[in-house]
Amino acid sequence: MSISHAPPDPESDISGISKSGDPARDAQDVRDSDGAEDARSAEPDLVPIVPVSTRRARVPRWLRRTSGPLALLALWQLLSSTGALSQDILASPGTIAGVARDLLGDGSLTSAMGVSLQRVAVGMLLGTVVGTALALISGLFRVGEDLIDASVQMLRTVPFVGLIPLFIIWFGIGETPKVAIITLGVSFPLYLNVYAGIRGVDSQLIEAGESLGLSRWGLVRHVILPGALPGAMTGLRYSLGIAWLALVFAEQINADSGIGFLMVQARDFLRTDVIVVCLIVYAFLGLIADFIVRTLERLLLQWRPTFTGR
């Protein structure tokens, strides 16, 4: 009977012979392997870090933003229902909703909104052109600053409402004084913010542009105007708010149309519900205009990372 012997496994260590031929080296390899396994077992599991700003809130943001006005509306309705708030002082939200529906049904509110929007649009356009042009001349040139800035600073301290009698004497009682009041109210916030934005550009950016060989117009186009754009957007938001305020005063000048005309008629007949409807329309139109400017700001200022809250 013959006995066959299988060849020894080179990876086994049963025979007691070291795999590498060096027992010290093999012992060191075993210790290194055990140490690596212990280190791997001791390592904590890595969890990806998600910025707080990108985490989803439990309550949607639109719901949080509308919760305040809705709570105020509910409190208003509660006070009206319990009699704590008299109808002669302030009508209830239900009554005001009915009046608004009637005004929209006969077309009087829609027509008044169209007239008022046209006045604001024309005054805003003229005020933007005047205020921005003066700010560019005064901000870019020292001679322009010496000639313009002092006069503008004096005029802006004069309440534009106080100029209504002069505008009536100069332009009559038509549409011109109404648009002029809005234009005057819009011009000053834009001038101040655009001027401050131009003069707030870092001088090192100007030096860097000059070292790169930019011409004077190239500096204005690529460095100064983009740097002044955030200030211009802020001035535009302020100007829109003042435009609606100026419209309220402007439509008191013998107006025969517009939201202000409806308010004057409601005042004569002691209709607080119609007055509140007109005020709500003013508020919503101003809110829509502000939303448009904020959207424009996000589009034009994508290059500027800013803090958006936590």
Foldseek 3Di string as FASTA:
>chain_A
DDDDDDDDDLPDCVVVQDSVNDVVVVVVVVVVVVVVVVVVVPDDDDDDDDDPVPDDDPDDPVCVVCPVVVVVLVVQQVCVVVVVDDVLRPNRPVVLVVVVVVCVVVPQQVQQAVVLVVLLVLLLVLLLVQQLVLLCQLQLDVVSVVVRVVVLVVVVVDPLLVCLVVLCVVPNLDSVSLSVSLSVLLRNLLNVLLNCQQVPFDVVVVVVCVVVPADPVRCVVPGRVLSSVVSNLVSSLVSLVSSLVSNLSSCVRPHPGHLNNQLVVCVVVSNNSSNVSSVVVSVVVSVVVNVVSVVVCCVSVVVDDDDDDD
